[in-house]
Amino acid sequence: MAETQTGDTTSTTSAGQRLQRGLAPADSSAVVVDQKATQGKTTIADGVVAKIVGIAAREIDGVKDVVNVGAGASIAGLATRVTGGGTRAQGVSVEVGEREAAASINIVVVYGVSIPQVADAVRRNIIDRVQAMTGLTMIAVDIAVIDLYFPEEETEQHPRVQ
């Protein structure tokens, strides 16, 4: 009796032998090599997933920004300015495995929006973007709303010299 794995090109016979479908060995001493192992491995860095998460959060109406929080925020902000690094992954923490990922994100929302609705939209967009771009399954997206943005308090910056 043969056991078949869905989505895989190998089968296991009742004798425990692994056979690859569609390819007949040239002789009985041929070794079947797992095709996945011979084609290589793709590794996705934590920073790549963090950038996707940060960008996906900023795409949602009602999110003013994604920001670092705490004492480390000042140091991280300074390091970013000094090194010329991007801010896309700021305020994002991720854990990436081979098939799954989890993220924590700190956001500032615009005053007057429904925070639960914005958080749900952010979570859905992050899950969709990470899945589409990396193939990883997001097992958790923790969102911390750490501040409110008041558009009416924004003052226009005038240059000192004209």
N, C-alpha and C. Protein backbone atom coordinates (compact mmCIF):
# COMPACT_ATOMS: atom_id res chain seq x y z
N MET A 1 0.84 -1.18 0.00
CA MET A 1 0.00 0.00 0.00
C MET A 1 0.88 1.23 0.00
N ALA A 2 0.64 2.18 -0.88
CA ALA A 2 1.48 3.37 -1.00
C ALA A 2 0.86 4.52 -0.23
N GLU A 3 1.70 5.29 0.44
CA GLU A 3 1.28 6.46 1.20
C GLU A 3 1.71 7.68 0.39
N THR A 4 0.83 8.63 0.17
CA THR A 4 1.15 9.78 -0.67
C THR A 4 1.06 11.05 0.15
N GLN A 5 2.02 11.95 -0.03
CA GLN A 5 2.00 13.25 0.63
C GLN A 5 1.55 14.28 -0.38
N THR A 6 0.54 15.08 -0.02
CA THR A 6 0.02 16.10 -0.91
C THR A 6 1.05 17.21 -1.09
N GLY A 7 1.21 17.69 -2.32
CA GLY A 7 2.10 18.79 -2.61
C GLY A 7 3.56 18.38 -2.69
N ASP A 8 3.86 17.14 -2.50
CA ASP A 8 5.24 16.67 -2.54
C ASP A 8 5.37 15.74 -3.74
N THR A 9 6.57 15.57 -4.23
CA THR A 9 6.76 14.70 -5.38
C THR A 9 7.27 13.34 -4.96
N THR A 10 7.20 13.01 -3.66
CA THR A 10 7.69 11.72 -3.21
C THR A 10 6.56 10.88 -2.65
N SER A 11 6.74 9.57 -2.70
CA SER A 11 5.80 8.62 -2.13
C SER A 11 6.57 7.65 -1.26
N THR A 12 5.87 7.03 -0.33
CA THR A 12 6.49 6.01 0.49
C THR A 12 5.74 4.71 0.25
N THR A 13 6.46 3.65 -0.10
CA THR A 13 5.82 2.36 -0.33
C THR A 13 5.63 1.66 0.99
N SER A 14 4.91 0.53 0.97
CA SER A 14 4.69 -0.23 2.20
C SER A 14 5.99 -0.77 2.75
N ALA A 15 7.00 -0.89 1.93
CA ALA A 15 8.31 -1.37 2.38
C ALA A 15 9.14 -0.24 2.97
N GLY A 16 8.60 0.99 2.96
CA GLY A 16 9.32 2.11 3.53
C GLY A 16 10.29 2.77 2.58
N GLN A 17 10.25 2.43 1.28
CA GLN A 17 11.15 3.02 0.31
C GLN A 17 10.54 4.33 -0.18
N ARG A 18 11.39 5.35 -0.37
CA ARG A 18 10.93 6.63 -0.91
C ARG A 18 11.14 6.63 -2.41
N LEU A 19 10.08 6.95 -3.14
CA LEU A 19 10.15 7.01 -4.59
C LEU A 19 9.75 8.40 -5.05
N GLN A 20 10.40 8.90 -6.08
CA GLN A 20 10.05 10.19 -6.62
C GLN A 20 9.17 9.96 -7.84
N ARG A 21 8.01 10.62 -7.87
CA ARG A 21 7.07 10.45 -8.97
C ARG A 21 7.62 11.05 -10.25
N GLY A 22 7.32 10.39 -11.35
CA GLY A 22 7.66 10.92 -12.66
C GLY A 22 9.08 10.60 -13.10
N LEU A 23 9.91 10.09 -12.22
CA LEU A 23 11.29 9.76 -12.59
C LEU A 23 11.55 8.30 -12.27
N ALA A 24 11.98 7.57 -13.25
CA ALA A 24 12.33 6.16 -13.03
C ALA A 24 13.83 6.07 -12.88
N PRO A 25 14.31 5.36 -11.86
CA PRO A 25 15.76 5.21 -11.71
C PRO A 25 16.35 4.44 -12.88
N ALA A 26 17.58 4.80 -13.25
CA ALA A 26 18.25 4.14 -14.37
C ALA A 26 18.52 2.68 -14.06
N ASP A 27 18.86 2.39 -12.82
CA ASP A 27 19.03 1.00 -12.40
C ASP A 27 18.60 0.89 -10.94
N SER A 28 18.59 -0.30 -10.42
CA SER A 28 18.08 -0.52 -9.07
C SER A 28 18.97 0.10 -7.99
N SER A 29 20.21 0.47 -8.31
CA SER A 29 21.09 1.05 -7.29
C SER A 29 21.03 2.57 -7.27
N ALA A 30 20.17 3.20 -8.11
CA ALA A 30 20.07 4.66 -8.15
C ALA A 30 19.48 5.20 -6.85
N VAL A 31 20.00 6.33 -6.42
CA VAL A 31 19.54 6.98 -5.19
C VAL A 31 18.63 8.13 -5.58
N VAL A 32 17.47 8.20 -4.94
CA VAL A 32 16.53 9.29 -5.19
C VAL A 32 16.91 10.43 -4.27
N VAL A 33 17.16 11.61 -4.86
CA VAL A 33 17.56 12.79 -4.09
C VAL A 33 16.35 13.70 -3.93
N ASP A 34 16.15 14.21 -2.74
CA ASP A 34 15.05 15.13 -2.49
C ASP A 34 15.27 16.40 -3.31
N GLN A 35 14.35 16.67 -4.20
CA GLN A 35 14.48 17.79 -5.12
C GLN A 35 14.59 19.11 -4.38
N LYS A 36 13.89 19.26 -3.26
CA LYS A 36 13.93 20.51 -2.51
C LYS A 36 15.34 20.81 -2.03
N ALA A 37 16.06 19.80 -1.62
CA ALA A 37 17.41 20.01 -1.09
C ALA A 37 18.39 20.39 -2.20
N THR A 38 18.19 19.90 -3.41
CA THR A 38 19.14 20.18 -4.48
C THR A 38 18.92 21.54 -5.11
N GLN A 39 17.76 22.13 -4.95
CA GLN A 39 17.48 23.41 -5.58
C GLN A 39 17.88 24.58 -4.69
N GLY A 40 18.22 24.35 -3.45
CA GLY A 40 18.68 25.41 -2.57
C GLY A 40 17.64 25.83 -1.56
N LYS A 41 18.06 26.74 -0.71
CA LYS A 41 17.23 27.19 0.41
C LYS A 41 17.10 28.71 0.36
N THR A 42 15.93 29.21 0.63
CA THR A 42 15.71 30.65 0.68
C THR A 42 15.58 31.07 2.14
N THR A 43 16.36 32.06 2.52
CA THR A 43 16.31 32.58 3.88
C THR A 43 15.89 34.04 3.81
N ILE A 44 14.93 34.42 4.64
CA ILE A 44 14.44 35.80 4.68
C ILE A 44 14.87 36.41 6.01
N ALA A 45 15.63 37.48 5.95
CA ALA A 45 16.16 38.13 7.15
C ALA A 45 15.05 38.80 7.95
N ASP A 46 15.25 38.87 9.26
CA ASP A 46 14.29 39.54 10.13
C ASP A 46 14.04 40.98 9.69
N GLY A 47 15.10 41.66 9.26
CA GLY A 47 14.99 43.05 8.84
C GLY A 47 14.08 43.24 7.64
N VAL A 48 14.07 42.27 6.75
CA VAL A 48 13.19 42.33 5.57
C VAL A 48 11.74 42.25 6.02
N VAL A 49 11.44 41.32 6.89
CA VAL A 49 10.06 41.17 7.39
C VAL A 49 9.67 42.41 8.19
N ALA A 50 10.59 42.95 8.98
CA ALA A 50 10.30 44.15 9.78
C ALA A 50 9.95 45.33 8.87
N LYS A 51 10.66 45.47 7.77
CA LYS A 51 10.36 46.57 6.83
C LYS A 51 8.98 46.38 6.19
N ILE A 52 8.66 45.16 5.82
CA ILE A 52 7.34 44.88 5.24
C ILE A 52 6.25 45.23 6.25
N VAL A 53 6.45 44.84 7.50
CA VAL A 53 5.47 45.12 8.55
C VAL A 53 5.29 46.62 8.74
N GLY A 54 6.41 47.36 8.81
CA GLY A 54 6.34 48.81 9.00
C GLY A 54 5.64 49.52 7.85
N ILE A 55 5.95 49.13 6.64
CA ILE A 55 5.32 49.75 5.46
C ILE A 55 3.84 49.41 5.41
N ALA A 56 3.51 48.15 5.68
CA ALA A 56 2.10 47.72 5.65
C ALA A 56 1.26 48.48 6.68
N ALA A 57 1.83 48.76 7.84
CA ALA A 57 1.10 49.51 8.87
C ALA A 57 0.86 50.94 8.43
N ARG A 58 1.87 51.55 7.82
CA ARG A 58 1.75 52.95 7.40
C ARG A 58 0.76 53.13 6.24
N GLU A 59 0.43 52.06 5.53
CA GLU A 59 -0.50 52.14 4.41
C GLU A 59 -1.95 52.35 4.86
N ILE A 60 -2.22 52.15 6.13
CA ILE A 60 -3.60 52.22 6.63
C ILE A 60 -3.96 53.64 7.05
N ASP A 61 -5.12 54.12 6.56
CA ASP A 61 -5.61 55.43 6.97
C ASP A 61 -5.86 55.43 8.48
N GLY A 62 -5.44 56.48 9.12
CA GLY A 62 -5.61 56.59 10.57
C GLY A 62 -4.31 56.34 11.31
N VAL A 63 -3.32 55.75 10.63
CA VAL A 63 -2.00 55.55 11.24
C VAL A 63 -1.14 56.73 10.85
N LYS A 64 -0.70 57.50 11.83
CA LYS A 64 0.18 58.64 11.56
C LYS A 64 1.62 58.19 11.37
N ASP A 65 2.07 57.27 12.26
CA ASP A 65 3.46 56.83 12.17
C ASP A 65 3.66 55.54 12.94
N VAL A 66 4.78 54.91 12.67
CA VAL A 66 5.26 53.75 13.42
C VAL A 66 6.52 54.23 14.12
N VAL A 67 6.58 54.08 15.44
CA VAL A 67 7.67 54.69 16.19
C VAL A 67 8.27 53.75 17.21
N ASN A 68 9.53 54.02 17.53
CA ASN A 68 10.18 53.33 18.65
C ASN A 68 9.66 53.93 19.94
N VAL A 69 9.82 53.19 21.01
CA VAL A 69 9.34 53.67 22.30
C VAL A 69 10.39 53.35 23.37
N GLY A 70 10.46 54.15 24.39
CA GLY A 70 11.37 53.88 25.50
C GLY A 70 12.75 54.47 25.30
N ALA A 71 13.66 54.10 26.20
CA ALA A 71 15.02 54.63 26.18
C ALA A 71 15.77 54.23 24.91
N GLY A 72 15.48 53.04 24.42
CA GLY A 72 16.14 52.57 23.22
C GLY A 72 15.75 53.36 21.98
N ALA A 73 14.60 54.06 22.05
CA ALA A 73 14.13 54.82 20.90
C ALA A 73 15.09 55.95 20.55
N SER A 74 15.61 56.64 21.55
CA SER A 74 16.54 57.74 21.30
C SER A 74 17.82 57.24 20.67
N ILE A 75 18.32 56.15 21.19
CA ILE A 75 19.57 55.58 20.67
C ILE A 75 19.36 55.07 19.25
N ALA A 76 18.25 54.38 19.02
CA ALA A 76 17.96 53.85 17.69
C ALA A 76 17.76 54.99 16.69
N GLY A 77 17.07 56.04 17.09
CA GLY A 77 16.86 57.19 16.22
C GLY A 77 18.16 57.87 15.86
N LEU A 78 19.05 58.03 16.84
CA LEU A 78 20.36 58.63 16.60
C LEU A 78 21.19 57.76 15.67
N ALA A 79 21.19 56.47 15.92
CA ALA A 79 21.96 55.55 15.07
C ALA A 79 21.45 55.58 13.64
N THR A 80 20.15 55.67 13.46
CA THR A 80 19.57 55.72 12.12
C THR A 80 20.01 56.98 11.40
N ARG A 81 20.00 58.12 12.11
CA ARG A 81 20.42 59.38 11.49
C ARG A 81 21.91 59.37 11.15
N VAL A 82 22.73 58.82 12.04
CA VAL A 82 24.18 58.81 11.83
C VAL A 82 24.56 57.88 10.69
N THR A 83 23.96 56.68 10.65
CA THR A 83 24.34 55.69 9.64
C THR A 83 23.59 55.88 8.33
N GLY A 84 22.59 56.74 8.33
CA GLY A 84 21.82 56.94 7.11
C GLY A 84 20.88 55.80 6.83
N GLY A 85 20.58 54.98 7.85
CA GLY A 85 19.69 53.84 7.68
C GLY A 85 18.25 54.28 7.49
N GLY A 86 17.44 53.40 6.97
CA GLY A 86 16.04 53.70 6.73
C GLY A 86 15.22 53.62 8.00
N THR A 87 14.06 54.22 7.96
CA THR A 87 13.18 54.22 9.13
C THR A 87 12.00 53.28 8.93
N ARG A 88 12.00 52.52 7.87
CA ARG A 88 10.85 51.66 7.58
C ARG A 88 10.61 50.59 8.65
N ALA A 89 11.66 50.14 9.31
CA ALA A 89 11.52 49.08 10.30
C ALA A 89 11.51 49.63 11.73
N GLN A 90 11.56 50.95 11.88
CA GLN A 90 11.53 51.54 13.21
C GLN A 90 10.22 51.22 13.90
N GLY A 91 10.27 50.89 15.17
CA GLY A 91 9.07 50.60 15.94
C GLY A 91 8.50 49.22 15.70
N VAL A 92 9.26 48.38 15.01
CA VAL A 92 8.81 47.03 14.68
C VAL A 92 9.79 46.02 15.24
N SER A 93 9.26 44.98 15.85
CA SER A 93 10.06 43.87 16.33
C SER A 93 9.47 42.60 15.73
N VAL A 94 10.33 41.76 15.15
CA VAL A 94 9.84 40.52 14.54
C VAL A 94 10.65 39.32 14.98
N GLU A 95 10.02 38.17 14.91
CA GLU A 95 10.68 36.88 15.06
C GLU A 95 10.31 36.08 13.82
N VAL A 96 11.33 35.60 13.11
CA VAL A 96 11.09 34.90 11.86
C VAL A 96 11.64 33.48 11.95
N GLY A 97 10.77 32.53 11.65
CA GLY A 97 11.19 31.13 11.57
C GLY A 97 11.25 30.71 10.12
N GLU A 98 11.27 29.41 9.88
CA GLU A 98 11.32 28.91 8.51
C GLU A 98 9.99 29.06 7.79
N ARG A 99 8.89 28.92 8.52
CA ARG A 99 7.57 28.99 7.89
C ARG A 99 6.64 30.02 8.53
N GLU A 100 6.99 30.51 9.71
CA GLU A 100 6.11 31.40 10.46
C GLU A 100 6.87 32.63 10.94
N ALA A 101 6.10 33.67 11.24
CA ALA A 101 6.68 34.89 11.79
C ALA A 101 5.69 35.50 12.76
N ALA A 102 6.22 36.32 13.66
CA ALA A 102 5.40 37.06 14.61
C ALA A 102 5.97 38.48 14.65
N ALA A 103 5.10 39.46 14.88
CA ALA A 103 5.54 40.85 14.90
C ALA A 103 4.88 41.61 16.03
N SER A 104 5.61 42.60 16.53
CA SER A 104 5.08 43.58 17.48
C SER A 104 5.37 44.94 16.88
N ILE A 105 4.39 45.84 16.95
CA ILE A 105 4.54 47.14 16.32
C ILE A 105 3.95 48.23 17.20
N ASN A 106 4.61 49.39 17.23
CA ASN A 106 4.16 50.56 17.99
C ASN A 106 3.69 51.63 17.01
N ILE A 107 2.42 52.03 17.14
CA ILE A 107 1.89 53.02 16.20
C ILE A 107 1.33 54.24 16.91
N VAL A 108 1.27 55.34 16.15
CA VAL A 108 0.61 56.56 16.56
C VAL A 108 -0.60 56.70 15.65
N VAL A 109 -1.79 56.87 16.23
CA VAL A 109 -3.00 57.00 15.42
C VAL A 109 -3.52 58.43 15.46
N VAL A 110 -4.26 58.78 14.43
CA VAL A 110 -4.85 60.10 14.32
C VAL A 110 -6.04 60.18 15.28
N TYR A 111 -6.12 61.28 16.02
CA TYR A 111 -7.23 61.48 16.96
C TYR A 111 -8.55 61.50 16.20
N GLY A 112 -9.54 60.77 16.74
CA GLY A 112 -10.87 60.75 16.15
C GLY A 112 -11.20 59.47 15.40
N VAL A 113 -10.20 58.67 15.08
CA VAL A 113 -10.47 57.42 14.40
C VAL A 113 -10.78 56.34 15.43
N SER A 114 -11.44 55.28 14.99
CA SER A 114 -11.72 54.15 15.86
C SER A 114 -10.45 53.31 15.99
N ILE A 115 -9.87 53.29 17.17
CA ILE A 115 -8.62 52.57 17.39
C ILE A 115 -8.78 51.07 17.12
N PRO A 116 -9.86 50.42 17.60
CA PRO A 116 -10.01 48.99 17.27
C PRO A 116 -10.11 48.72 15.77
N GLN A 117 -10.80 49.59 15.02
CA GLN A 117 -10.91 49.40 13.58
C GLN A 117 -9.57 49.60 12.88
N VAL A 118 -8.82 50.62 13.32
CA VAL A 118 -7.50 50.85 12.72
C VAL A 118 -6.58 49.67 13.04
N ALA A 119 -6.60 49.21 14.28
CA ALA A 119 -5.75 48.08 14.67
C ALA A 119 -6.09 46.83 13.87
N ASP A 120 -7.38 46.56 13.67
CA ASP A 120 -7.78 45.40 12.86
C ASP A 120 -7.32 45.55 11.42
N ALA A 121 -7.45 46.74 10.85
CA ALA A 121 -7.02 46.97 9.47
C ALA A 121 -5.51 46.83 9.34
N VAL A 122 -4.77 47.34 10.32
CA VAL A 122 -3.31 47.22 10.32
C VAL A 122 -2.92 45.75 10.39
N ARG A 123 -3.54 45.01 11.30
CA ARG A 123 -3.23 43.59 11.47
C ARG A 123 -3.50 42.80 10.18
N ARG A 124 -4.66 43.03 9.57
CA ARG A 124 -5.00 42.32 8.32
C ARG A 124 -4.02 42.66 7.21
N ASN A 125 -3.65 43.95 7.09
CA ASN A 125 -2.75 44.36 6.01
C ASN A 125 -1.35 43.77 6.22
N ILE A 126 -0.89 43.74 7.46
CA ILE A 126 0.42 43.15 7.75
C ILE A 126 0.42 41.67 7.40
N ILE A 127 -0.61 40.95 7.83
CA ILE A 127 -0.70 39.52 7.55
C ILE A 127 -0.73 39.27 6.05
N ASP A 128 -1.54 40.05 5.33
CA ASP A 128 -1.65 39.88 3.87
C ASP A 128 -0.34 40.18 3.16
N ARG A 129 0.31 41.28 3.52
CA ARG A 129 1.55 41.69 2.85
C ARG A 129 2.68 40.70 3.10
N VAL A 130 2.85 40.29 4.37
CA VAL A 130 3.93 39.36 4.70
C VAL A 130 3.70 38.03 4.00
N GLN A 131 2.47 37.54 4.00
CA GLN A 131 2.15 36.28 3.33
C GLN A 131 2.43 36.38 1.84
N ALA A 132 1.97 37.47 1.20
CA ALA A 132 2.13 37.61 -0.24
C ALA A 132 3.59 37.77 -0.65
N MET A 133 4.36 38.49 0.13
CA MET A 133 5.74 38.79 -0.27
C MET A 133 6.75 37.72 0.16
N THR A 134 6.47 37.01 1.26
CA THR A 134 7.47 36.07 1.78
C THR A 134 7.00 34.63 1.82
N GLY A 135 5.68 34.42 1.82
CA GLY A 135 5.15 33.07 1.97
C GLY A 135 5.08 32.63 3.43
N LEU A 136 5.51 33.50 4.35
CA LEU A 136 5.46 33.17 5.77
C LEU A 136 4.05 33.34 6.32
N THR A 137 3.69 32.53 7.29
CA THR A 137 2.42 32.65 7.97
C THR A 137 2.62 33.48 9.23
N MET A 138 1.86 34.55 9.36
CA MET A 138 1.95 35.39 10.56
C MET A 138 1.11 34.74 11.66
N ILE A 139 1.76 34.33 12.73
CA ILE A 139 1.03 33.68 13.82
C ILE A 139 0.57 34.68 14.86
N ALA A 140 1.18 35.86 14.90
CA ALA A 140 0.76 36.90 15.84
C ALA A 140 1.22 38.26 15.33
N VAL A 141 0.34 39.25 15.47
CA VAL A 141 0.68 40.64 15.19
C VAL A 141 0.19 41.45 16.38
N ASP A 142 1.11 41.80 17.27
CA ASP A 142 0.77 42.59 18.45
C ASP A 142 0.94 44.06 18.11
N ILE A 143 -0.10 44.84 18.41
CA ILE A 143 -0.10 46.27 18.08
C ILE A 143 -0.24 47.07 19.37
N ALA A 144 0.68 48.01 19.57
CA ALA A 144 0.60 48.92 20.71
C ALA A 144 0.35 50.33 20.17
N VAL A 145 -0.78 50.91 20.54
CA VAL A 145 -1.07 52.30 20.19
C VAL A 145 -0.45 53.13 21.30
N ILE A 146 0.65 53.81 20.98
CA ILE A 146 1.41 54.48 22.04
C ILE A 146 1.16 55.98 22.12
N ASP A 147 0.48 56.55 21.12
CA ASP A 147 0.22 57.99 21.15
C ASP A 147 -0.88 58.34 20.17
N LEU A 148 -1.41 59.55 20.35
CA LEU A 148 -2.40 60.10 19.44
C LEU A 148 -1.80 61.30 18.72
N TYR A 149 -2.20 61.49 17.49
CA TYR A 149 -1.76 62.62 16.69
C TYR A 149 -2.94 63.57 16.53
N PHE A 150 -2.71 64.84 16.83
CA PHE A 150 -3.74 65.87 16.72
C PHE A 150 -3.37 66.79 15.56
N PRO A 151 -4.02 66.64 14.41
CA PRO A 151 -3.65 67.44 13.23
C PRO A 151 -3.75 68.94 13.47
N GLU A 152 -4.70 69.39 14.28
CA GLU A 152 -4.89 70.83 14.50
C GLU A 152 -3.74 71.44 15.31
N GLU A 153 -2.98 70.61 16.01
CA GLU A 153 -1.87 71.13 16.80
C GLU A 153 -0.58 71.24 15.99
N GLU A 154 -0.59 70.74 14.79
CA GLU A 154 0.59 70.81 13.95
C GLU A 154 0.80 72.26 13.52
N THR A 155 1.94 72.78 13.87
CA THR A 155 2.25 74.16 13.50
C THR A 155 3.10 74.18 12.25
N GLU A 156 2.86 75.16 11.45
CA GLU A 156 3.61 75.27 10.22
C GLU A 156 5.00 75.80 10.54
N GLN A 157 6.00 75.14 10.00
CA GLN A 157 7.39 75.53 10.22
C GLN A 157 7.78 76.61 9.21
N HIS A 158 8.19 77.76 9.72
CA HIS A 158 8.67 78.83 8.85
C HIS A 158 10.19 78.90 8.93
N PRO A 159 10.84 79.01 7.81
CA PRO A 159 12.30 79.15 7.86
C PRO A 159 12.69 80.47 8.51
N ARG A 160 13.81 80.49 9.21
CA ARG A 160 14.26 81.68 9.90
C ARG A 160 14.74 82.73 8.91
N VAL A 161 15.34 82.27 7.84
CA VAL A 161 15.88 83.21 6.86
C VAL A 161 15.12 83.05 5.54
N GLN A 162 14.73 84.20 4.99
CA GLN A 162 14.01 84.13 3.72
C GLN A 162 14.75 84.87 2.64
